[in-house]
């Protein structure tokens, strides 16, 4: 079996690697469709170019985690598009990553990516990640409130509004996390070992 990452998944390249494995675990895709799916997961504020995607695909292929199935013709170009698929080792690697509950799973860099694949994550691990993220945000919120309390008299109007906006955003996230945690605690026991599989749109 291929080597599996044992260290915390913190580097941005690692997140891209595992997000790619996660998308391909739902079925083979060519690079353009994979890039679109990853953009939905990683969000509009993290640029994803072919200059970063194709080195990622080469890394995954070199490790034996993905393979090329062939090529299909593009809809608007005569150039064939290579189709990539997950291997058995790649599936094992992704499954292990998706179910690692380490503290890096709820940091700012990783949390959204982990959340995107919660349907592939055991319920007990989902709960631990959500609780970890909530604790992180509650700590941050306490620091922000204390900072505002101490510095309110020295802040101009715009800085104060920015601080208040940050506090409101953190409060909303904590409230949202509370609702997710409550839902996870009500998950039927049958789902603990068999998380639901959610297919993404492949348009």
N, C-alpha and C. Protein backbone atom coordinates (compact mmCIF):
# COMPACT_ATOMS: atom_id res chain seq x y z
N UNK A 1 0.85 -1.20 0.00
CA UNK A 1 0.00 0.00 0.00
C UNK A 1 0.87 1.24 0.00
N UNK A 2 0.42 2.31 -0.66
CA UNK A 2 1.20 3.53 -0.74
C UNK A 2 1.33 4.17 0.63
N UNK A 3 2.42 4.95 0.79
CA UNK A 3 2.64 5.64 2.05
C UNK A 3 1.54 6.66 2.30
N UNK A 4 1.12 6.79 3.56
CA UNK A 4 0.06 7.71 3.94
C UNK A 4 0.65 8.80 4.81
N UNK A 5 0.21 10.04 4.62
CA UNK A 5 0.69 11.13 5.45
C UNK A 5 0.40 10.84 6.91
N UNK A 6 1.41 10.99 7.76
CA UNK A 6 1.20 10.79 9.18
C UNK A 6 1.25 12.13 9.93
N UNK A 7 1.90 13.12 9.35
CA UNK A 7 2.03 14.41 10.00
C UNK A 7 0.75 15.22 9.79
N UNK A 8 0.53 16.27 10.59
CA UNK A 8 -0.67 17.09 10.43
C UNK A 8 -0.77 17.67 9.03
N UNK A 9 -1.97 17.70 8.52
CA UNK A 9 -2.20 18.23 7.17
C UNK A 9 -2.37 19.73 7.29
N UNK A 10 -1.28 20.47 7.15
CA UNK A 10 -1.34 21.92 7.34
C UNK A 10 -0.94 22.66 6.08
N UNK A 11 -0.03 22.11 5.32
CA UNK A 11 0.47 22.81 4.13
C UNK A 11 -0.63 22.94 3.09
N UNK A 12 -0.61 24.05 2.40
CA UNK A 12 -1.64 24.30 1.39
C UNK A 12 -1.59 23.25 0.28
N UNK A 13 -0.39 22.78 -0.06
CA UNK A 13 -0.28 21.75 -1.09
C UNK A 13 -0.94 20.46 -0.63
N UNK A 14 -0.82 20.13 0.65
CA UNK A 14 -1.47 18.93 1.18
C UNK A 14 -2.98 19.05 1.07
N UNK A 15 -3.51 20.23 1.39
CA UNK A 15 -4.95 20.43 1.30
C UNK A 15 -5.43 20.27 -0.13
N UNK A 16 -4.68 20.80 -1.07
CA UNK A 16 -5.06 20.67 -2.47
C UNK A 16 -4.99 19.21 -2.90
N UNK A 17 -3.95 18.50 -2.46
CA UNK A 17 -3.82 17.08 -2.79
C UNK A 17 -5.04 16.30 -2.30
N UNK A 18 -5.39 16.49 -1.04
CA UNK A 18 -6.46 15.70 -0.47
C UNK A 18 -7.83 16.14 -0.97
N UNK A 19 -7.99 17.43 -1.24
CA UNK A 19 -9.25 17.88 -1.85
C UNK A 19 -9.42 17.25 -3.22
N UNK A 20 -8.32 17.13 -3.97
CA UNK A 20 -8.37 16.50 -5.29
C UNK A 20 -8.75 15.03 -5.16
N UNK A 21 -8.16 14.35 -4.17
CA UNK A 21 -8.52 12.95 -3.94
C UNK A 21 -9.99 12.82 -3.58
N UNK A 22 -10.48 13.75 -2.77
CA UNK A 22 -11.87 13.70 -2.36
C UNK A 22 -12.83 13.86 -3.52
N UNK A 23 -12.54 14.81 -4.41
CA UNK A 23 -13.39 15.01 -5.57
C UNK A 23 -13.34 13.78 -6.48
N UNK A 24 -12.15 13.26 -6.71
CA UNK A 24 -12.01 12.09 -7.59
C UNK A 24 -12.58 10.82 -6.97
N UNK A 25 -12.76 10.81 -5.66
CA UNK A 25 -13.37 9.64 -5.03
C UNK A 25 -14.84 9.50 -5.43
N UNK A 26 -15.41 10.56 -5.99
CA UNK A 26 -16.80 10.52 -6.43
C UNK A 26 -16.92 10.12 -7.89
N UNK A 27 -15.78 9.94 -8.58
CA UNK A 27 -15.81 9.52 -9.97
C UNK A 27 -14.72 10.17 -10.78
N UNK A 28 -14.30 9.55 -11.90
CA UNK A 28 -13.25 10.10 -12.75
C UNK A 28 -13.64 11.46 -13.34
N UNK A 29 -12.65 12.33 -13.50
CA UNK A 29 -12.87 13.66 -14.09
C UNK A 29 -11.66 14.07 -14.90
N UNK A 30 -11.88 14.91 -15.89
CA UNK A 30 -10.75 15.53 -16.57
C UNK A 30 -10.35 16.79 -15.80
N UNK A 31 -9.19 17.33 -16.12
CA UNK A 31 -8.63 18.42 -15.34
C UNK A 31 -9.52 19.63 -15.22
N UNK A 32 -10.19 20.01 -16.30
CA UNK A 32 -11.04 21.21 -16.26
C UNK A 32 -12.20 21.04 -15.28
N UNK A 33 -12.86 19.88 -15.34
CA UNK A 33 -13.98 19.62 -14.43
C UNK A 33 -13.50 19.51 -12.98
N UNK A 34 -12.32 18.93 -12.79
CA UNK A 34 -11.75 18.82 -11.45
C UNK A 34 -11.45 20.21 -10.89
N UNK A 35 -10.90 21.08 -11.73
CA UNK A 35 -10.59 22.44 -11.29
C UNK A 35 -11.86 23.18 -10.87
N UNK A 36 -12.94 23.02 -11.61
CA UNK A 36 -14.20 23.67 -11.27
C UNK A 36 -14.73 23.17 -9.93
N UNK A 37 -14.65 21.86 -9.73
CA UNK A 37 -15.13 21.27 -8.47
C UNK A 37 -14.29 21.75 -7.29
N UNK A 38 -12.98 21.83 -7.48
CA UNK A 38 -12.09 22.29 -6.42
C UNK A 38 -12.34 23.76 -6.09
N UNK A 39 -12.62 24.56 -7.11
CA UNK A 39 -12.90 25.98 -6.88
C UNK A 39 -14.13 26.16 -6.00
N UNK A 40 -15.12 25.28 -6.16
CA UNK A 40 -16.31 25.33 -5.31
C UNK A 40 -15.97 25.01 -3.86
N UNK A 41 -15.04 24.08 -3.67
CA UNK A 41 -14.66 23.65 -2.32
C UNK A 41 -13.74 24.66 -1.65
N UNK A 42 -12.72 25.11 -2.37
CA UNK A 42 -11.70 25.97 -1.79
C UNK A 42 -12.16 27.42 -1.67
N UNK A 43 -13.18 27.79 -2.45
CA UNK A 43 -13.74 29.13 -2.33
C UNK A 43 -13.10 30.14 -3.26
N UNK A 44 -13.76 31.30 -3.41
CA UNK A 44 -13.31 32.31 -4.37
C UNK A 44 -12.05 33.05 -3.95
N UNK A 45 -11.66 32.95 -2.67
CA UNK A 45 -10.53 33.73 -2.20
C UNK A 45 -9.21 32.95 -2.25
N UNK A 46 -9.28 31.72 -2.73
CA UNK A 46 -8.05 30.94 -2.88
C UNK A 46 -7.90 30.59 -4.36
N UNK A 47 -7.02 31.31 -5.01
CA UNK A 47 -6.85 31.12 -6.46
C UNK A 47 -6.34 29.72 -6.75
N UNK A 48 -6.94 29.10 -7.74
CA UNK A 48 -6.52 27.77 -8.17
C UNK A 48 -6.29 27.81 -9.67
N UNK A 49 -5.04 27.77 -10.05
CA UNK A 49 -4.69 27.83 -11.46
C UNK A 49 -4.24 26.45 -11.92
N UNK A 50 -4.17 26.31 -13.24
CA UNK A 50 -3.64 25.06 -13.78
C UNK A 50 -2.18 24.89 -13.38
N UNK A 51 -1.51 26.02 -13.10
CA UNK A 51 -0.12 25.95 -12.67
C UNK A 51 0.05 25.31 -11.32
N UNK A 52 -1.01 25.26 -10.51
CA UNK A 52 -0.95 24.56 -9.23
C UNK A 52 -1.66 23.21 -9.29
N UNK A 53 -2.69 23.11 -10.15
CA UNK A 53 -3.44 21.85 -10.23
C UNK A 53 -2.62 20.74 -10.87
N UNK A 54 -1.99 21.00 -11.98
CA UNK A 54 -1.31 19.91 -12.69
C UNK A 54 -0.08 19.39 -11.95
N UNK A 55 0.71 20.25 -11.27
CA UNK A 55 1.75 19.68 -10.40
C UNK A 55 1.15 18.79 -9.31
N UNK A 56 -0.02 19.18 -8.80
CA UNK A 56 -0.71 18.35 -7.81
C UNK A 56 -1.07 17.00 -8.40
N UNK A 57 -1.63 16.99 -9.60
CA UNK A 57 -2.01 15.72 -10.24
C UNK A 57 -0.79 14.85 -10.51
N UNK A 58 0.32 15.47 -10.87
CA UNK A 58 1.55 14.69 -11.09
C UNK A 58 2.04 14.07 -9.78
N UNK A 59 1.94 14.84 -8.68
CA UNK A 59 2.33 14.29 -7.38
C UNK A 59 1.48 13.08 -7.02
N UNK A 60 0.19 13.23 -7.18
CA UNK A 60 -0.73 12.15 -6.82
C UNK A 60 -0.51 10.92 -7.69
N UNK A 61 -0.22 11.15 -8.95
CA UNK A 61 0.03 10.03 -9.86
C UNK A 61 1.34 9.34 -9.51
N UNK A 62 2.36 10.13 -9.17
CA UNK A 62 3.66 9.55 -8.81
C UNK A 62 3.56 8.70 -7.54
N UNK A 63 2.68 9.07 -6.65
CA UNK A 63 2.49 8.30 -5.41
C UNK A 63 1.59 7.09 -5.60
N UNK A 64 1.00 6.98 -6.78
CA UNK A 64 0.12 5.85 -7.05
C UNK A 64 -1.28 6.03 -6.53
N UNK A 65 -1.67 7.28 -6.26
CA UNK A 65 -2.99 7.54 -5.69
C UNK A 65 -4.04 7.84 -6.75
N UNK A 66 -3.62 8.28 -7.92
CA UNK A 66 -4.54 8.46 -9.04
C UNK A 66 -3.90 7.86 -10.28
N UNK A 67 -4.71 7.68 -11.31
CA UNK A 67 -4.21 7.16 -12.58
C UNK A 67 -4.96 7.83 -13.73
N UNK A 68 -4.35 7.79 -14.90
CA UNK A 68 -4.99 8.32 -16.10
C UNK A 68 -5.77 7.20 -16.77
N UNK A 69 -7.03 7.49 -17.09
CA UNK A 69 -7.87 6.50 -17.76
C UNK A 69 -7.83 6.63 -19.27
N UNK A 70 -7.44 7.79 -19.75
CA UNK A 70 -7.46 8.05 -21.18
C UNK A 70 -7.75 9.51 -21.42
N UNK A 71 -8.34 9.83 -22.55
CA UNK A 71 -8.62 11.21 -22.88
C UNK A 71 -9.97 11.31 -23.57
N UNK A 72 -10.62 12.46 -23.37
CA UNK A 72 -11.88 12.74 -24.05
C UNK A 72 -11.74 14.06 -24.78
N UNK A 73 -12.49 14.23 -25.85
CA UNK A 73 -12.45 15.47 -26.62
C UNK A 73 -13.15 16.57 -25.84
N UNK A 74 -12.55 17.77 -25.85
CA UNK A 74 -13.16 18.92 -25.21
C UNK A 74 -14.32 19.44 -26.03
N UNK A 75 -15.32 20.10 -25.39
CA UNK A 75 -16.50 20.58 -26.11
C UNK A 75 -16.21 21.74 -27.05
N UNK A 76 -15.18 22.53 -26.75
CA UNK A 76 -14.90 23.72 -27.57
C UNK A 76 -13.51 23.70 -28.17
N UNK A 77 -12.80 22.61 -28.02
CA UNK A 77 -11.45 22.54 -28.55
C UNK A 77 -11.17 21.12 -29.05
N UNK A 78 -10.27 21.03 -30.01
CA UNK A 78 -9.90 19.71 -30.53
C UNK A 78 -8.91 19.00 -29.62
N UNK A 79 -8.36 19.74 -28.67
CA UNK A 79 -7.38 19.14 -27.76
C UNK A 79 -8.07 18.18 -26.79
N UNK A 80 -7.56 16.96 -26.71
CA UNK A 80 -8.15 15.95 -25.82
C UNK A 80 -7.84 16.28 -24.37
N UNK A 81 -8.77 15.95 -23.51
CA UNK A 81 -8.61 16.18 -22.08
C UNK A 81 -8.36 14.85 -21.38
N UNK A 82 -7.31 14.80 -20.59
CA UNK A 82 -6.95 13.58 -19.88
C UNK A 82 -7.91 13.38 -18.70
N UNK A 83 -8.40 12.17 -18.55
CA UNK A 83 -9.31 11.83 -17.46
C UNK A 83 -8.52 11.16 -16.34
N UNK A 84 -8.75 11.61 -15.11
CA UNK A 84 -8.05 11.08 -13.94
C UNK A 84 -9.03 10.32 -13.05
N UNK A 85 -8.53 9.25 -12.44
CA UNK A 85 -9.38 8.44 -11.55
C UNK A 85 -8.58 8.04 -10.31
N UNK A 86 -9.29 7.82 -9.23
CA UNK A 86 -8.67 7.40 -7.98
C UNK A 86 -8.28 5.93 -8.06
N UNK A 87 -7.14 5.57 -7.48
CA UNK A 87 -6.75 4.17 -7.36
C UNK A 87 -7.21 3.64 -5.99
N UNK A 88 -7.03 2.36 -5.77
CA UNK A 88 -7.38 1.79 -4.47
C UNK A 88 -6.57 2.41 -3.35
N UNK A 89 -5.26 2.62 -3.59
CA UNK A 89 -4.42 3.27 -2.58
C UNK A 89 -4.89 4.69 -2.33
N UNK A 90 -5.26 5.39 -3.40
CA UNK A 90 -5.73 6.76 -3.25
C UNK A 90 -6.99 6.82 -2.41
N UNK A 91 -7.88 5.87 -2.61
CA UNK A 91 -9.11 5.82 -1.81
C UNK A 91 -8.79 5.61 -0.34
N UNK A 92 -7.84 4.71 -0.05
CA UNK A 92 -7.46 4.45 1.34
C UNK A 92 -6.85 5.70 1.98
N UNK A 93 -5.98 6.39 1.23
CA UNK A 93 -5.33 7.59 1.74
C UNK A 93 -6.37 8.67 2.06
N UNK A 94 -7.31 8.86 1.13
CA UNK A 94 -8.33 9.88 1.36
C UNK A 94 -9.21 9.53 2.55
N UNK A 95 -9.60 8.27 2.67
CA UNK A 95 -10.45 7.85 3.78
C UNK A 95 -9.75 8.09 5.11
N UNK A 96 -8.44 7.80 5.17
CA UNK A 96 -7.70 8.02 6.42
C UNK A 96 -7.64 9.50 6.74
N UNK A 97 -7.34 10.31 5.72
CA UNK A 97 -7.27 11.76 5.94
C UNK A 97 -8.61 12.31 6.41
N UNK A 98 -9.69 11.90 5.76
CA UNK A 98 -11.02 12.43 6.08
C UNK A 98 -11.43 12.10 7.51
N UNK A 99 -10.83 11.06 8.09
CA UNK A 99 -11.20 10.63 9.43
C UNK A 99 -10.12 10.90 10.47
N UNK A 100 -9.18 11.79 10.15
CA UNK A 100 -8.19 12.24 11.13
C UNK A 100 -8.75 13.44 11.88
N UNK A 101 -8.89 13.37 13.20
CA UNK A 101 -9.49 14.47 13.96
C UNK A 101 -8.46 15.39 14.61
N UNK A 102 -7.24 15.46 14.09
CA UNK A 102 -6.21 16.29 14.70
C UNK A 102 -6.58 17.76 14.74
N UNK A 103 -5.89 18.52 15.60
CA UNK A 103 -6.24 19.93 15.82
C UNK A 103 -6.12 20.78 14.56
N UNK A 104 -5.28 20.36 13.61
CA UNK A 104 -5.18 21.12 12.36
C UNK A 104 -6.48 21.08 11.58
N UNK A 105 -7.35 20.12 11.86
CA UNK A 105 -8.60 19.97 11.11
C UNK A 105 -9.54 21.14 11.34
N UNK A 106 -9.39 21.86 12.43
CA UNK A 106 -10.30 22.98 12.69
C UNK A 106 -9.59 24.33 12.66
N UNK A 107 -8.38 24.39 12.09
CA UNK A 107 -7.76 25.71 11.94
C UNK A 107 -8.32 26.41 10.70
N UNK A 108 -7.97 27.68 10.55
CA UNK A 108 -8.55 28.48 9.47
C UNK A 108 -8.22 27.92 8.10
N UNK A 109 -7.03 27.37 7.95
CA UNK A 109 -6.58 26.89 6.65
C UNK A 109 -7.30 25.62 6.20
N UNK A 110 -7.63 24.77 7.16
CA UNK A 110 -8.12 23.43 6.82
C UNK A 110 -9.61 23.22 7.01
N UNK A 111 -10.24 23.98 7.89
CA UNK A 111 -11.59 23.64 8.33
C UNK A 111 -12.59 23.57 7.18
N UNK A 112 -12.60 24.57 6.31
CA UNK A 112 -13.59 24.58 5.22
C UNK A 112 -13.42 23.37 4.30
N UNK A 113 -12.16 23.00 4.04
CA UNK A 113 -11.91 21.84 3.19
C UNK A 113 -12.38 20.56 3.86
N UNK A 114 -12.10 20.43 5.16
CA UNK A 114 -12.58 19.25 5.89
C UNK A 114 -14.11 19.20 5.88
N UNK A 115 -14.73 20.35 6.08
CA UNK A 115 -16.19 20.42 6.10
C UNK A 115 -16.79 19.99 4.77
N UNK A 116 -16.12 20.32 3.68
CA UNK A 116 -16.62 19.97 2.35
C UNK A 116 -16.75 18.46 2.16
N UNK A 117 -15.98 17.69 2.94
CA UNK A 117 -16.01 16.23 2.80
C UNK A 117 -16.59 15.55 4.04
N UNK A 118 -17.43 16.25 4.78
CA UNK A 118 -18.03 15.66 5.97
C UNK A 118 -18.91 14.46 5.64
N UNK A 119 -19.45 14.41 4.44
CA UNK A 119 -20.27 13.25 4.08
C UNK A 119 -19.43 11.99 3.96
N UNK A 120 -18.12 12.14 3.90
CA UNK A 120 -17.21 10.99 3.81
C UNK A 120 -16.51 10.74 5.14
N UNK A 121 -16.95 11.42 6.18
CA UNK A 121 -16.30 11.38 7.48
C UNK A 121 -17.22 10.75 8.51
N UNK A 122 -16.67 9.91 9.38
CA UNK A 122 -17.48 9.28 10.41
C UNK A 122 -18.08 10.33 11.33
N UNK A 123 -19.28 10.07 11.81
CA UNK A 123 -20.01 11.05 12.61
C UNK A 123 -19.24 11.45 13.87
N UNK A 124 -18.58 10.51 14.52
CA UNK A 124 -17.83 10.83 15.73
C UNK A 124 -16.68 11.79 15.44
N UNK A 125 -16.05 11.64 14.28
CA UNK A 125 -14.96 12.53 13.88
C UNK A 125 -15.52 13.90 13.50
N UNK A 126 -16.65 13.91 12.79
CA UNK A 126 -17.28 15.18 12.46
C UNK A 126 -17.56 15.99 13.73
N UNK A 127 -18.10 15.31 14.73
CA UNK A 127 -18.44 16.00 15.97
C UNK A 127 -17.19 16.56 16.65
N UNK A 128 -16.12 15.79 16.66
CA UNK A 128 -14.90 16.26 17.31
C UNK A 128 -14.34 17.48 16.58
N UNK A 129 -14.38 17.46 15.25
CA UNK A 129 -13.88 18.59 14.48
C UNK A 129 -14.73 19.83 14.73
N UNK A 130 -16.04 19.66 14.73
CA UNK A 130 -16.94 20.80 14.97
C UNK A 130 -16.74 21.38 16.37
N UNK A 131 -16.59 20.51 17.35
CA UNK A 131 -16.37 21.00 18.72
C UNK A 131 -15.02 21.69 18.84
N UNK A 132 -14.02 21.16 18.14
CA UNK A 132 -12.71 21.81 18.14
C UNK A 132 -12.77 23.19 17.50
N UNK A 133 -13.49 23.29 16.39
CA UNK A 133 -13.63 24.59 15.72
C UNK A 133 -14.39 25.57 16.60
N UNK A 134 -15.43 25.09 17.27
CA UNK A 134 -16.19 25.98 18.16
C UNK A 134 -15.31 26.51 19.29
N UNK A 135 -14.51 25.64 19.89
CA UNK A 135 -13.61 26.08 20.95
C UNK A 135 -12.63 27.12 20.43
N UNK A 136 -12.10 26.88 19.23
CA UNK A 136 -11.16 27.83 18.62
C UNK A 136 -11.83 29.19 18.43
N UNK A 137 -13.06 29.19 17.92
CA UNK A 137 -13.76 30.44 17.66
C UNK A 137 -14.19 31.13 18.95
N UNK A 138 -14.56 30.37 19.97
CA UNK A 138 -14.92 30.97 21.26
C UNK A 138 -13.72 31.64 21.89
N UNK A 139 -12.55 31.02 21.79
CA UNK A 139 -11.32 31.63 22.30
C UNK A 139 -11.02 32.92 21.55
N UNK A 140 -11.17 32.88 20.23
CA UNK A 140 -10.91 34.06 19.41
C UNK A 140 -11.89 35.17 19.74
N UNK A 141 -13.14 34.80 19.93
CA UNK A 141 -14.18 35.78 20.25
C UNK A 141 -13.90 36.46 21.58
N UNK A 142 -13.45 35.69 22.56
CA UNK A 142 -13.13 36.27 23.87
C UNK A 142 -11.99 37.28 23.76
N UNK A 143 -10.98 36.95 22.96
CA UNK A 143 -9.85 37.87 22.76
C UNK A 143 -10.32 39.14 22.06
N UNK A 144 -11.16 39.00 21.05
CA UNK A 144 -11.65 40.15 20.31
C UNK A 144 -12.48 41.07 21.21
N UNK A 145 -13.34 40.49 22.04
CA UNK A 145 -14.16 41.29 22.94
C UNK A 145 -13.31 42.03 23.96
N UNK A 146 -12.31 41.35 24.48
CA UNK A 146 -11.42 41.98 25.46
C UNK A 146 -10.64 43.11 24.82
N UNK A 147 -10.19 42.89 23.59
CA UNK A 147 -9.46 43.94 22.86
C UNK A 147 -10.33 45.16 22.65
N UNK A 148 -11.59 44.95 22.28
CA UNK A 148 -12.51 46.07 22.09
C UNK A 148 -12.77 46.80 23.40
N UNK A 149 -12.91 46.05 24.47
CA UNK A 149 -13.19 46.65 25.77
C UNK A 149 -12.04 47.53 26.22
N UNK A 150 -10.82 47.04 26.01
CA UNK A 150 -9.65 47.80 26.45
C UNK A 150 -9.37 49.01 25.57
N UNK A 151 -9.60 48.85 24.26
CA UNK A 151 -9.17 49.89 23.34
C UNK A 151 -10.27 50.76 22.78
N UNK A 152 -11.51 50.58 23.25
CA UNK A 152 -12.63 51.31 22.66
C UNK A 152 -12.41 52.82 22.68
N UNK A 153 -11.89 53.35 23.78
CA UNK A 153 -11.71 54.80 23.89
C UNK A 153 -10.64 55.33 22.95
N UNK A 154 -9.73 54.46 22.50
CA UNK A 154 -8.64 54.89 21.62
C UNK A 154 -8.95 54.66 20.15
N UNK A 155 -10.03 53.96 19.85
CA UNK A 155 -10.35 53.62 18.47
C UNK A 155 -11.16 54.72 17.80
N UNK A 156 -10.82 54.99 16.53
CA UNK A 156 -11.69 55.88 15.78
C UNK A 156 -12.91 55.10 15.30
N UNK A 157 -13.84 55.80 14.69
CA UNK A 157 -15.12 55.19 14.31
C UNK A 157 -14.94 54.00 13.37
N UNK A 158 -14.04 54.14 12.40
CA UNK A 158 -13.89 53.09 11.40
C UNK A 158 -13.23 51.84 11.98
N UNK A 159 -12.23 52.05 12.83
CA UNK A 159 -11.58 50.90 13.46
C UNK A 159 -12.55 50.18 14.39
N UNK A 160 -13.36 50.95 15.09
CA UNK A 160 -14.35 50.35 15.99
C UNK A 160 -15.37 49.53 15.20
N UNK A 161 -15.82 50.08 14.07
CA UNK A 161 -16.77 49.35 13.24
C UNK A 161 -16.16 48.06 12.69
N UNK A 162 -14.88 48.11 12.33
CA UNK A 162 -14.20 46.91 11.84
C UNK A 162 -14.13 45.85 12.94
N UNK A 163 -13.80 46.29 14.16
CA UNK A 163 -13.74 45.36 15.29
C UNK A 163 -15.11 44.75 15.57
N UNK A 164 -16.14 45.58 15.54
CA UNK A 164 -17.49 45.08 15.79
C UNK A 164 -17.92 44.09 14.71
N UNK A 165 -17.54 44.38 13.48
CA UNK A 165 -17.86 43.47 12.37
C UNK A 165 -17.20 42.11 12.59
N UNK A 166 -15.94 42.13 13.04
CA UNK A 166 -15.24 40.88 13.32
C UNK A 166 -15.90 40.09 14.43
N UNK A 167 -16.32 40.78 15.48
CA UNK A 167 -16.99 40.12 16.59
C UNK A 167 -18.31 39.51 16.13
N UNK A 168 -19.08 40.26 15.36
CA UNK A 168 -20.36 39.76 14.86
C UNK A 168 -20.17 38.52 13.98
N UNK A 169 -19.13 38.53 13.15
CA UNK A 169 -18.85 37.38 12.30
C UNK A 169 -18.50 36.15 13.12
N UNK A 170 -17.68 36.35 14.16
CA UNK A 170 -17.30 35.24 15.03
C UNK A 170 -18.51 34.71 15.80
N UNK A 171 -19.37 35.62 16.25
CA UNK A 171 -20.58 35.19 16.95
C UNK A 171 -21.49 34.37 16.05
N UNK A 172 -21.61 34.78 14.79
CA UNK A 172 -22.44 34.02 13.85
C UNK A 172 -21.87 32.64 13.61
N UNK A 173 -20.53 32.55 13.51
CA UNK A 173 -19.94 31.24 13.27
C UNK A 173 -20.15 30.32 14.47
N UNK A 174 -20.00 30.86 15.68
CA UNK A 174 -20.23 30.04 16.88
C UNK A 174 -21.67 29.54 16.91
N UNK A 175 -22.61 30.42 16.59
CA UNK A 175 -24.02 30.03 16.57
C UNK A 175 -24.27 28.94 15.52
N UNK A 176 -23.66 29.10 14.36
CA UNK A 176 -23.79 28.11 13.28
C UNK A 176 -23.19 26.77 13.71
N UNK A 177 -22.02 26.82 14.34
CA UNK A 177 -21.38 25.60 14.81
C UNK A 177 -22.23 24.91 15.87
N UNK A 178 -22.85 25.69 16.74
CA UNK A 178 -23.73 25.11 17.75
C UNK A 178 -24.85 24.31 17.11
N UNK A 179 -25.42 24.85 16.03
CA UNK A 179 -26.51 24.14 15.35
C UNK A 179 -26.02 22.86 14.69
N UNK A 180 -24.81 22.90 14.11
CA UNK A 180 -24.25 21.69 13.49
C UNK A 180 -23.94 20.63 14.54
N UNK A 181 -23.39 21.07 15.66
CA UNK A 181 -23.05 20.13 16.74
C UNK A 181 -24.31 19.47 17.29
N UNK A 182 -25.35 20.27 17.47
CA UNK A 182 -26.62 19.71 17.95
C UNK A 182 -27.15 18.66 16.99
N UNK A 183 -27.06 18.95 15.69
CA UNK A 183 -27.52 17.99 14.68
C UNK A 183 -26.68 16.72 14.71
N UNK A 184 -25.36 16.86 14.87
CA UNK A 184 -24.48 15.69 14.90
C UNK A 184 -24.77 14.81 16.12
N UNK A 185 -25.10 15.42 17.22
CA UNK A 185 -25.39 14.64 18.43
C UNK A 185 -26.68 13.85 18.31
N UNK A 186 -27.50 14.21 17.33
CA UNK A 186 -28.75 13.50 17.09
C UNK A 186 -28.65 12.53 15.91
N UNK A 187 -27.43 12.31 15.39
CA UNK A 187 -27.24 11.39 14.27
C UNK A 187 -27.54 9.96 14.72
N UNK A 188 -28.32 9.19 13.97
CA UNK A 188 -28.58 7.79 14.33
C UNK A 188 -27.29 6.99 14.44
N UNK A 189 -27.25 6.03 15.34
CA UNK A 189 -26.05 5.23 15.54
C UNK A 189 -25.63 4.50 14.27
N UNK A 190 -26.58 4.18 13.41
CA UNK A 190 -26.25 3.46 12.18
C UNK A 190 -25.35 4.27 11.27
N UNK A 191 -25.33 5.60 11.43
CA UNK A 191 -24.52 6.44 10.57
C UNK A 191 -23.10 6.62 11.09
N UNK A 192 -22.84 6.22 12.33
CA UNK A 192 -21.52 6.42 12.91
C UNK A 192 -20.45 5.69 12.12
N UNK A 193 -20.76 4.48 11.65
CA UNK A 193 -19.78 3.70 10.89
C UNK A 193 -20.02 3.79 9.40
N UNK A 194 -21.18 4.32 8.99
CA UNK A 194 -21.52 4.40 7.57
C UNK A 194 -22.02 5.79 7.23
N UNK A 195 -21.09 6.77 7.12
CA UNK A 195 -21.52 8.12 6.80
C UNK A 195 -22.20 8.18 5.45
N UNK A 196 -23.19 9.06 5.27
CA UNK A 196 -23.90 9.15 4.00
C UNK A 196 -22.99 9.62 2.89
N UNK A 197 -23.26 9.19 1.68
CA UNK A 197 -22.47 9.58 0.52
C UNK A 197 -23.25 10.62 -0.27
N UNK A 198 -22.67 11.77 -0.47
CA UNK A 198 -23.32 12.85 -1.19
C UNK A 198 -22.59 13.10 -2.49
N UNK A 199 -23.29 13.01 -3.60
CA UNK A 199 -22.70 13.24 -4.91
C UNK A 199 -22.77 14.72 -5.25
N UNK A 200 -21.67 15.25 -5.76
CA UNK A 200 -21.66 16.64 -6.20
C UNK A 200 -22.14 16.73 -7.63
N UNK A 201 -22.63 17.92 -7.96
CA UNK A 201 -23.03 18.18 -9.34
C UNK A 201 -21.81 18.10 -10.23
N UNK A 202 -21.94 17.47 -11.40
CA UNK A 202 -20.81 17.33 -12.30
C UNK A 202 -21.03 18.14 -13.56
N UNK A 203 -21.83 19.19 -13.46
CA UNK A 203 -22.09 20.06 -14.60
C UNK A 203 -20.86 20.88 -14.90
